[in-house]
N, C-alpha and C. Protein backbone atom coordinates (compact mmCIF):
# COMPACT_ATOMS: atom_id res chain seq x y z
N UNK A 1 -0.72 -5.87 -23.64
CA UNK A 1 -0.04 -5.08 -22.64
C UNK A 1 1.45 -5.36 -22.71
N UNK A 2 2.22 -4.34 -22.51
CA UNK A 2 3.67 -4.43 -22.55
C UNK A 2 4.23 -3.88 -21.24
N UNK A 3 5.23 -4.56 -20.68
CA UNK A 3 5.94 -4.07 -19.50
C UNK A 3 7.30 -3.59 -19.97
N UNK A 4 7.66 -2.37 -19.57
CA UNK A 4 8.94 -1.80 -20.00
C UNK A 4 9.45 -0.82 -18.95
N UNK A 5 10.71 -0.45 -19.11
CA UNK A 5 11.30 0.56 -18.22
C UNK A 5 10.61 1.90 -18.47
N UNK A 6 10.42 2.64 -17.40
CA UNK A 6 9.82 3.97 -17.52
C UNK A 6 10.77 4.90 -18.26
N UNK A 7 10.19 5.84 -18.99
CA UNK A 7 10.97 6.83 -19.74
C UNK A 7 10.50 8.22 -19.34
N UNK A 8 11.33 9.19 -19.60
CA UNK A 8 10.98 10.58 -19.28
C UNK A 8 9.70 10.99 -19.98
N UNK A 9 9.45 10.45 -21.15
CA UNK A 9 8.24 10.78 -21.91
C UNK A 9 6.96 10.27 -21.23
N UNK A 10 7.08 9.45 -20.20
CA UNK A 10 5.92 8.93 -19.46
C UNK A 10 5.46 9.89 -18.37
N UNK A 11 6.07 11.05 -18.26
CA UNK A 11 5.84 11.92 -17.10
C UNK A 11 4.37 12.29 -16.88
N UNK A 12 3.61 12.53 -17.93
CA UNK A 12 2.20 12.89 -17.74
C UNK A 12 1.40 11.73 -17.15
N UNK A 13 1.61 10.52 -17.70
CA UNK A 13 0.90 9.36 -17.18
C UNK A 13 1.36 9.03 -15.76
N UNK A 14 2.66 9.19 -15.48
CA UNK A 14 3.16 8.90 -14.14
C UNK A 14 2.62 9.90 -13.12
N UNK A 15 2.44 11.14 -13.52
CA UNK A 15 1.84 12.14 -12.63
C UNK A 15 0.40 11.72 -12.31
N UNK A 16 -0.32 11.25 -13.32
CA UNK A 16 -1.69 10.78 -13.09
C UNK A 16 -1.69 9.56 -12.17
N UNK A 17 -0.80 8.61 -12.42
CA UNK A 17 -0.74 7.40 -11.60
C UNK A 17 -0.36 7.73 -10.15
N UNK A 18 0.50 8.71 -9.97
CA UNK A 18 0.87 9.14 -8.63
C UNK A 18 -0.35 9.69 -7.90
N UNK A 19 -1.19 10.42 -8.61
CA UNK A 19 -2.42 10.95 -8.03
C UNK A 19 -3.38 9.81 -7.66
N UNK A 20 -3.50 8.81 -8.54
CA UNK A 20 -4.34 7.64 -8.27
C UNK A 20 -3.85 6.93 -7.01
N UNK A 21 -2.54 6.87 -6.83
CA UNK A 21 -1.94 6.22 -5.67
C UNK A 21 -2.14 7.03 -4.38
N UNK A 22 -2.53 8.29 -4.53
CA UNK A 22 -2.76 9.13 -3.36
C UNK A 22 -1.68 10.15 -3.11
N UNK A 23 -0.78 10.31 -4.08
CA UNK A 23 0.32 11.26 -3.96
C UNK A 23 0.31 12.24 -5.14
N UNK A 24 -0.61 13.20 -5.13
CA UNK A 24 -0.62 14.17 -6.23
C UNK A 24 0.71 14.92 -6.28
N UNK A 25 1.20 15.16 -7.50
CA UNK A 25 2.49 15.80 -7.67
C UNK A 25 2.45 16.66 -8.93
N UNK A 26 3.13 17.77 -8.89
CA UNK A 26 3.23 18.63 -10.08
C UNK A 26 4.17 17.97 -11.07
N UNK A 27 3.87 18.12 -12.36
CA UNK A 27 4.67 17.47 -13.40
C UNK A 27 6.14 17.85 -13.33
N UNK A 28 6.43 19.12 -13.04
CA UNK A 28 7.82 19.57 -13.00
C UNK A 28 8.60 18.83 -11.92
N UNK A 29 7.97 18.63 -10.77
CA UNK A 29 8.61 17.92 -9.66
C UNK A 29 8.80 16.45 -10.05
N UNK A 30 7.79 15.86 -10.67
CA UNK A 30 7.88 14.47 -11.10
C UNK A 30 8.98 14.30 -12.13
N UNK A 31 9.10 15.21 -13.06
CA UNK A 31 10.14 15.11 -14.10
C UNK A 31 11.52 15.08 -13.47
N UNK A 32 11.76 15.94 -12.49
CA UNK A 32 13.07 15.97 -11.81
C UNK A 32 13.32 14.65 -11.08
N UNK A 33 12.31 14.15 -10.38
CA UNK A 33 12.45 12.86 -9.70
C UNK A 33 12.66 11.72 -10.67
N UNK A 34 11.95 11.76 -11.78
CA UNK A 34 12.07 10.71 -12.79
C UNK A 34 13.48 10.70 -13.39
N UNK A 35 14.03 11.85 -13.66
CA UNK A 35 15.42 11.94 -14.17
C UNK A 35 16.38 11.28 -13.19
N UNK A 36 16.20 11.57 -11.91
CA UNK A 36 17.08 11.04 -10.87
C UNK A 36 16.95 9.51 -10.77
N UNK A 37 15.71 9.02 -10.76
CA UNK A 37 15.45 7.58 -10.61
C UNK A 37 15.97 6.80 -11.82
N UNK A 38 15.74 7.32 -13.01
CA UNK A 38 16.21 6.63 -14.23
C UNK A 38 17.72 6.50 -14.22
N UNK A 39 18.42 7.47 -13.65
CA UNK A 39 19.89 7.45 -13.61
C UNK A 39 20.45 6.46 -12.59
N UNK A 40 19.64 6.08 -11.60
CA UNK A 40 20.11 5.15 -10.56
C UNK A 40 20.06 3.72 -11.09
N UNK A 41 21.21 3.06 -11.09
CA UNK A 41 21.29 1.70 -11.63
C UNK A 41 20.52 0.67 -10.81
N UNK A 42 20.40 0.87 -9.51
CA UNK A 42 19.76 -0.13 -8.67
C UNK A 42 18.30 0.18 -8.35
N UNK A 43 17.73 1.13 -9.04
CA UNK A 43 16.34 1.52 -8.82
C UNK A 43 15.51 1.01 -10.00
N UNK A 44 14.46 0.28 -9.72
CA UNK A 44 13.62 -0.30 -10.77
C UNK A 44 12.33 0.51 -10.88
N UNK A 45 12.05 0.99 -12.06
CA UNK A 45 10.80 1.71 -12.32
C UNK A 45 10.26 1.20 -13.65
N UNK A 46 9.22 0.39 -13.57
CA UNK A 46 8.61 -0.21 -14.75
C UNK A 46 7.20 0.31 -14.93
N UNK A 47 6.77 0.37 -16.18
CA UNK A 47 5.39 0.75 -16.47
C UNK A 47 4.73 -0.35 -17.28
N UNK A 48 3.43 -0.47 -17.08
CA UNK A 48 2.59 -1.33 -17.92
C UNK A 48 1.99 -0.41 -18.97
N UNK A 49 2.14 -0.78 -20.21
CA UNK A 49 1.69 0.08 -21.31
C UNK A 49 0.61 -0.62 -22.13
N UNK A 50 -0.45 0.11 -22.41
CA UNK A 50 -1.51 -0.36 -23.30
C UNK A 50 -1.72 0.70 -24.36
N UNK A 51 -1.61 0.29 -25.61
CA UNK A 51 -1.81 1.19 -26.75
C UNK A 51 -0.97 2.46 -26.61
N UNK A 52 0.29 2.29 -26.19
CA UNK A 52 1.23 3.40 -26.11
C UNK A 52 1.09 4.29 -24.89
N UNK A 53 0.21 3.92 -23.95
CA UNK A 53 -0.03 4.74 -22.76
C UNK A 53 0.34 3.95 -21.51
N UNK A 54 1.11 4.58 -20.61
CA UNK A 54 1.47 3.95 -19.34
C UNK A 54 0.23 3.93 -18.45
N UNK A 55 -0.24 2.73 -18.10
CA UNK A 55 -1.46 2.59 -17.30
C UNK A 55 -1.19 1.95 -15.94
N UNK A 56 0.05 1.59 -15.68
CA UNK A 56 0.42 1.01 -14.41
C UNK A 56 1.89 1.25 -14.16
N UNK A 57 2.28 1.17 -12.88
CA UNK A 57 3.67 1.42 -12.53
C UNK A 57 4.04 0.60 -11.30
N UNK A 58 5.28 0.12 -11.29
CA UNK A 58 5.86 -0.46 -10.08
C UNK A 58 7.26 0.14 -9.91
N UNK A 59 7.54 0.53 -8.67
CA UNK A 59 8.84 1.09 -8.33
C UNK A 59 9.42 0.24 -7.21
N UNK A 60 10.67 -0.19 -7.35
CA UNK A 60 11.28 -1.06 -6.35
C UNK A 60 12.79 -0.87 -6.32
N UNK A 61 13.36 -1.24 -5.18
CA UNK A 61 14.81 -1.24 -5.01
C UNK A 61 15.24 -2.60 -4.47
N UNK A 62 16.39 -3.10 -4.95
CA UNK A 62 16.87 -4.39 -4.45
C UNK A 62 17.46 -4.25 -3.05
N UNK A 63 17.42 -5.35 -2.30
CA UNK A 63 18.09 -5.40 -1.01
C UNK A 63 18.50 -6.83 -0.71
N UNK A 64 19.46 -6.97 0.18
CA UNK A 64 19.94 -8.27 0.63
C UNK A 64 19.89 -8.28 2.15
N UNK A 65 19.89 -9.48 2.71
CA UNK A 65 19.91 -9.60 4.17
C UNK A 65 21.03 -10.54 4.59
N UNK A 66 21.41 -10.46 5.84
CA UNK A 66 22.46 -11.33 6.35
C UNK A 66 21.95 -12.75 6.57
N UNK A 67 20.66 -12.94 6.66
CA UNK A 67 20.10 -14.25 6.96
C UNK A 67 19.59 -15.00 5.74
N UNK A 68 19.86 -14.47 4.55
CA UNK A 68 19.44 -15.16 3.34
C UNK A 68 20.43 -14.90 2.22
N UNK A 69 20.67 -15.92 1.41
CA UNK A 69 21.59 -15.77 0.27
C UNK A 69 20.90 -15.12 -0.92
N UNK A 70 19.58 -15.00 -0.85
CA UNK A 70 18.83 -14.44 -1.96
C UNK A 70 18.91 -12.93 -2.04
N UNK A 71 18.42 -12.41 -3.12
CA UNK A 71 18.30 -10.97 -3.32
C UNK A 71 16.82 -10.68 -3.49
N UNK A 72 16.36 -9.62 -2.86
CA UNK A 72 14.95 -9.32 -2.83
C UNK A 72 14.69 -7.90 -3.33
N UNK A 73 13.43 -7.58 -3.55
CA UNK A 73 13.05 -6.23 -3.94
C UNK A 73 12.07 -5.65 -2.94
N UNK A 74 12.33 -4.44 -2.52
CA UNK A 74 11.42 -3.69 -1.67
C UNK A 74 10.53 -2.86 -2.59
N UNK A 75 9.24 -3.14 -2.62
CA UNK A 75 8.32 -2.41 -3.49
C UNK A 75 8.01 -1.06 -2.85
N UNK A 76 8.34 0.01 -3.55
CA UNK A 76 8.14 1.36 -3.06
C UNK A 76 6.79 1.92 -3.52
N UNK A 77 6.31 1.44 -4.63
CA UNK A 77 5.04 1.90 -5.15
C UNK A 77 4.51 0.95 -6.20
N UNK A 78 3.21 0.75 -6.19
CA UNK A 78 2.54 -0.11 -7.17
C UNK A 78 1.15 0.47 -7.39
N UNK A 79 0.85 0.80 -8.64
CA UNK A 79 -0.44 1.43 -8.94
C UNK A 79 -0.88 1.08 -10.35
N UNK A 80 -2.20 0.98 -10.51
CA UNK A 80 -2.82 0.78 -11.82
C UNK A 80 -3.84 1.89 -12.01
N UNK A 81 -3.87 2.47 -13.19
CA UNK A 81 -4.81 3.53 -13.51
C UNK A 81 -6.23 3.08 -13.17
N UNK A 82 -6.99 3.95 -12.53
CA UNK A 82 -8.34 3.60 -12.12
C UNK A 82 -9.25 3.24 -13.30
N UNK A 83 -8.91 3.67 -14.50
CA UNK A 83 -9.72 3.36 -15.68
C UNK A 83 -9.52 1.93 -16.18
N UNK A 84 -8.43 1.27 -15.76
CA UNK A 84 -8.16 -0.10 -16.22
C UNK A 84 -8.00 -1.09 -15.07
N UNK A 85 -8.34 -0.68 -13.86
CA UNK A 85 -8.26 -1.61 -12.73
C UNK A 85 -9.21 -2.78 -12.95
N UNK A 86 -8.84 -3.92 -12.38
CA UNK A 86 -9.60 -5.17 -12.46
C UNK A 86 -9.65 -5.74 -13.89
N UNK A 87 -8.63 -5.38 -14.69
CA UNK A 87 -8.54 -5.90 -16.05
C UNK A 87 -7.24 -6.67 -16.28
N UNK A 88 -6.54 -7.03 -15.18
CA UNK A 88 -5.34 -7.86 -15.29
C UNK A 88 -4.04 -7.11 -15.41
N UNK A 89 -4.05 -5.79 -15.37
CA UNK A 89 -2.80 -5.02 -15.53
C UNK A 89 -1.82 -5.31 -14.41
N UNK A 90 -2.27 -5.39 -13.17
CA UNK A 90 -1.39 -5.63 -12.03
C UNK A 90 -1.21 -7.08 -11.68
N UNK A 91 -1.75 -7.97 -12.48
CA UNK A 91 -1.70 -9.41 -12.20
C UNK A 91 -0.31 -9.96 -12.49
N UNK A 92 0.13 -10.90 -11.67
CA UNK A 92 1.41 -11.57 -11.92
C UNK A 92 1.18 -13.06 -12.02
N UNK A 93 2.08 -13.71 -12.72
CA UNK A 93 2.05 -15.16 -12.82
C UNK A 93 3.42 -15.66 -12.39
N UNK A 94 3.48 -16.49 -11.38
CA UNK A 94 4.74 -17.03 -10.88
C UNK A 94 5.40 -17.85 -11.99
N UNK A 95 6.69 -17.59 -12.20
CA UNK A 95 7.42 -18.34 -13.20
C UNK A 95 7.50 -17.67 -14.55
N UNK A 96 6.83 -16.56 -14.73
CA UNK A 96 6.89 -15.86 -16.03
C UNK A 96 7.71 -14.61 -15.92
C-alpha cells in the first residue's frame, strides 16, 4: 500500500469513496471540487493506493489554537473502500 497526495486522475475512485462515505456525488462535481482542493496549499487530501487504485482517502485542514503551541489537523473526511475494509488500509502506527 502506498499513501500519496490525491491527483485529478483519482476522480473515479474518489467518487466511489464519497459514495461509500455516504455522500454520493456526480463525477463532474467531484472533479471541480478536486481541482479547487488540490490548489489550496493548506488543504490535505491523501489517498491510500493498492495496485494503482485509490482505495482510501483522508481529507484534513490544519488549525491552531490560542491555548496550545502545537498545530493540529481537523479531519474532514476519512473513508476506506468497502471492498478492502478490515485489511489495514485505515490503520495508523504512532511514530511512523
